[in-house]
Amino acid sequence: MKTTTWNIDPAHSEVQFKVKHLVITTVTGRFTNFSGVIHTDENFENTDISFEIEAASISTNNEQRDAHLKSADFFDVGKHSQILFRGDYLRRKRDDEFELIGDLTIKGITRPIALAVEYAGTMTDPWGNVKSGFEVKGVLNRKDFGLNWNATTEAGGLLVSEDVKLVVNLQLIKQVEPAIAVFTSA
């Protein structure tokens, strides 16, 4: 099996999450600093994925909310600067659909997670770089990762839902293997 290395292109990728607020609206947030590398066969099936997110790069377009999310009530970025994902099983379900199984670590707590992956295709850009696109979706319960803070409304409902939807759009850049120099004696 030949292994191909792909790096995440952060300029053409995004990591978003969606959470219900007061059960009536959805707040969307994102992380702006992340990186990752994927080792895979040519069919994207035998895969090893390493993905890191800087927790302090969270943005919900509200400074007060972002500061609260960075605090010990949620991500505690002073103690837990990284969110990590390690995946080692990608199973093809259909031609362009996969299931990715791995371990997600948030706030120092690691749990297994299954994510739906849609392959969008592979293209060569105008500069000769081979790129592949994927959309990754999943749902996690934030309390499983120690993100327990909440408040109760007058009606008895929760301010913030426990379920968090993940939506990650990735553009990967295929890494070119360095040429091996062959020397012969004259």
Protein backbone atom coordinates (compact mmCIF):
# COMPACT_ATOMS: atom_id res chain seq x y z
CA MET A 1 0.00 0.00 0.00
CA LYS A 2 1.45 3.34 -1.06
CA THR A 3 0.87 6.10 1.49
CA THR A 4 0.07 9.64 0.44
CA THR A 5 0.49 12.59 2.81
CA TRP A 6 -2.01 15.45 2.72
CA ASN A 7 -1.82 18.67 4.75
CA ILE A 8 -4.84 20.79 5.57
CA ASP A 9 -4.95 24.07 3.65
CA PRO A 10 -6.14 26.47 6.40
CA ALA A 11 -6.81 29.27 3.89
CA HIS A 12 -9.47 27.12 2.20
CA SER A 13 -10.80 25.18 5.19
CA GLU A 14 -13.06 25.98 8.13
CA VAL A 15 -14.03 24.48 11.46
CA GLN A 16 -17.51 25.45 12.66
CA PHE A 17 -19.91 24.41 15.39
CA LYS A 18 -23.58 25.13 15.94
CA VAL A 19 -25.40 25.22 19.29
CA LYS A 20 -29.03 25.94 20.11
CA HIS A 21 -29.61 28.98 22.33
CA LEU A 22 -32.87 29.13 24.31
CA VAL A 23 -33.96 26.20 22.10
CA ILE A 24 -35.23 28.72 19.52
CA THR A 25 -32.12 29.91 17.65
CA THR A 26 -28.80 28.52 16.55
CA VAL A 27 -25.51 30.23 17.36
CA THR A 28 -22.65 29.44 14.98
CA GLY A 29 -19.04 29.63 16.08
CA ARG A 30 -15.74 28.75 14.51
CA PHE A 31 -12.11 28.13 15.28
CA THR A 32 -9.67 30.15 13.21
CA ASN A 33 -6.36 28.40 14.00
CA PHE A 34 -6.01 24.71 13.20
CA SER A 35 -3.73 22.31 11.38
CA GLY A 36 -3.64 18.70 10.43
CA VAL A 37 -2.02 15.97 8.41
CA ILE A 38 -3.56 12.92 6.82
CA HIS A 39 -1.73 9.79 5.67
CA THR A 40 -3.82 7.64 3.37
CA ASP A 41 -3.83 5.26 0.44
CA GLU A 42 -4.94 6.54 -2.97
CA ASN A 43 -8.58 5.59 -2.23
CA PHE A 44 -8.71 7.47 1.10
CA GLU A 45 -9.49 4.26 2.97
CA ASN A 46 -6.43 3.23 4.98
CA THR A 47 -6.10 6.47 6.86
CA ASP A 48 -4.25 8.04 9.76
CA ILE A 49 -5.45 11.56 10.70
CA SER A 50 -3.98 14.04 13.14
CA PHE A 51 -5.88 17.32 13.62
CA GLU A 52 -5.19 20.11 16.14
CA ILE A 53 -7.27 23.18 16.96
CA GLU A 54 -6.10 26.13 19.05
CA ALA A 55 -8.95 26.44 21.58
CA ALA A 56 -8.27 30.15 22.11
CA SER A 57 -9.01 30.83 18.44
CA ILE A 58 -12.75 30.39 19.08
CA SER A 59 -14.96 33.08 17.57
CA THR A 60 -18.74 33.53 17.74
CA ASN A 61 -18.69 37.19 16.65
CA ASN A 62 -19.40 38.25 20.24
CA GLU A 63 -16.39 39.20 22.41
CA GLN A 64 -18.20 38.70 25.72
CA ARG A 65 -19.45 35.22 24.72
CA ASP A 66 -16.01 34.31 23.33
CA ALA A 67 -14.35 35.31 26.61
CA HIS A 68 -16.84 33.14 28.51
CA LEU A 69 -16.19 30.18 26.16
CA LYS A 70 -12.44 30.53 26.77
CA SER A 71 -12.95 30.52 30.56
CA ALA A 72 -12.95 27.53 32.93
CA ASP A 73 -16.76 27.30 32.49
CA PHE A 74 -16.13 25.93 29.01
CA PHE A 75 -12.78 25.33 27.22
CA ASP A 76 -10.44 26.59 29.97
CA VAL A 77 -7.87 27.63 27.35
CA GLY A 78 -5.31 28.58 30.01
CA LYS A 79 -5.00 24.90 30.98
CA HIS A 80 -6.19 23.18 27.79
CA SER A 81 -4.87 25.07 24.79
CA GLN A 82 -5.51 22.37 22.19
CA ILE A 83 -8.49 20.40 20.93
CA LEU A 84 -7.21 17.20 19.33
CA PHE A 85 -8.63 14.64 16.95
CA ARG A 86 -6.88 11.39 16.08
CA GLY A 87 -8.58 9.21 13.50
CA ASP A 88 -7.43 5.89 12.22
CA TYR A 89 -10.49 4.34 10.63
CA LEU A 90 -12.23 5.70 7.54
CA ARG A 91 -14.87 3.37 6.13
CA ARG A 92 -16.38 3.94 2.69
CA LYS A 93 -20.19 3.80 2.81
CA ARG A 94 -20.84 4.88 -0.80
CA ASP A 95 -18.73 6.32 -3.61
CA ASP A 96 -18.35 9.73 -1.99
CA GLU A 97 -19.48 9.04 1.59
CA PHE A 98 -17.37 7.74 4.45
CA GLU A 99 -17.59 7.22 8.20
CA LEU A 100 -14.59 8.46 10.17
CA ILE A 101 -13.94 6.94 13.60
CA GLY A 102 -11.47 8.51 15.97
CA ASP A 103 -10.78 10.02 19.37
CA LEU A 104 -11.64 13.63 20.17
CA THR A 105 -9.94 15.37 23.10
CA ILE A 106 -11.47 18.53 24.54
CA LYS A 107 -10.47 20.02 27.88
CA GLY A 108 -8.23 17.02 28.55
CA ILE A 109 -11.07 14.51 28.15
CA THR A 110 -10.86 11.98 25.30
CA ARG A 111 -13.92 10.25 23.87
CA PRO A 112 -14.52 8.21 20.71
CA ILE A 113 -16.55 9.92 18.00
CA ALA A 114 -18.02 8.89 14.65
CA LEU A 115 -18.19 11.52 11.93
CA ALA A 116 -19.87 11.54 8.51
CA VAL A 117 -17.50 12.49 5.71
CA GLU A 118 -18.47 13.56 2.20
CA TYR A 119 -15.77 13.55 -0.47
CA ALA A 120 -16.22 16.48 -2.89
CA GLY A 121 -13.50 15.56 -5.37
CA THR A 122 -9.87 16.08 -6.31
CA MET A 123 -8.55 18.83 -8.58
CA THR A 124 -5.24 20.35 -9.60
CA ASP A 125 -5.02 24.10 -8.98
CA PRO A 126 -3.41 26.56 -11.46
CA TRP A 127 -0.04 26.17 -9.67
CA GLY A 128 0.07 22.39 -10.04
CA ASN A 129 -1.01 21.51 -6.49
CA VAL A 130 -3.28 18.49 -6.16
CA LYS A 131 -6.12 19.23 -3.75
CA SER A 132 -9.02 17.22 -2.37
CA GLY A 133 -12.13 18.51 -0.63
CA PHE A 134 -14.17 17.00 2.18
CA GLU A 135 -17.07 18.02 4.40
CA VAL A 136 -17.11 16.42 7.85
CA LYS A 137 -20.21 16.49 10.06
CA GLY A 138 -21.04 15.15 13.48
CA VAL A 139 -22.79 15.76 16.77
CA LEU A 140 -21.33 15.58 20.25
CA ASN A 141 -22.67 16.10 23.73
CA ARG A 142 -20.56 18.90 25.22
CA LYS A 143 -21.04 17.55 28.76
CA ASP A 144 -19.11 14.41 27.75
CA PHE A 145 -16.07 16.70 27.51
CA GLY A 146 -16.55 18.63 30.75
CA LEU A 147 -18.25 21.63 29.11
CA ASN A 148 -20.97 21.63 31.76
CA TRP A 149 -21.92 25.28 32.32
CA ASN A 150 -25.54 26.19 31.71
CA ALA A 151 -28.33 28.37 33.03
CA THR A 152 -32.06 27.76 33.35
CA THR A 153 -34.66 30.08 31.87
CA GLU A 154 -37.78 31.24 33.73
CA ALA A 155 -39.76 28.57 31.88
CA GLY A 156 -37.35 25.87 33.08
CA GLY A 157 -35.55 25.36 29.77
CA LEU A 158 -31.80 25.39 29.27
CA LEU A 159 -29.98 28.45 27.96
CA VAL A 160 -27.51 26.40 25.88
CA SER A 161 -28.21 22.96 24.39
CA GLU A 162 -26.00 20.04 25.31
CA ASP A 163 -25.73 18.84 21.69
CA VAL A 164 -23.19 20.57 19.48
CA LYS A 165 -23.20 20.12 15.72
CA LEU A 166 -19.81 20.06 14.02
CA VAL A 167 -19.31 21.14 10.41
CA VAL A 168 -15.76 21.01 9.10
CA ASN A 169 -14.91 21.82 5.48
CA LEU A 170 -11.42 20.73 4.53
CA GLN A 171 -9.29 21.32 1.50
CA LEU A 172 -6.26 19.05 1.56
CA ILE A 173 -3.00 19.61 -0.31
CA LYS A 174 -1.21 16.51 -1.56
CA GLN A 175 2.41 16.57 -0.49
CA VAL A 176 4.97 15.84 -3.17
CA GLU A 177 7.46 13.18 -2.25
CA PRO A 178 11.01 14.50 -2.44
CA ALA A 179 13.06 13.15 -5.30
CA ILE A 180 15.72 10.65 -4.29
CA ALA A 181 19.13 11.40 -5.71
CA VAL A 182 20.96 8.44 -7.13
CA PHE A 183 24.74 8.69 -7.29
CA THR A 184 26.89 6.41 -9.33
CA SER A 185 30.63 6.23 -9.38
CA ALA A 186 32.33 7.01 -12.66
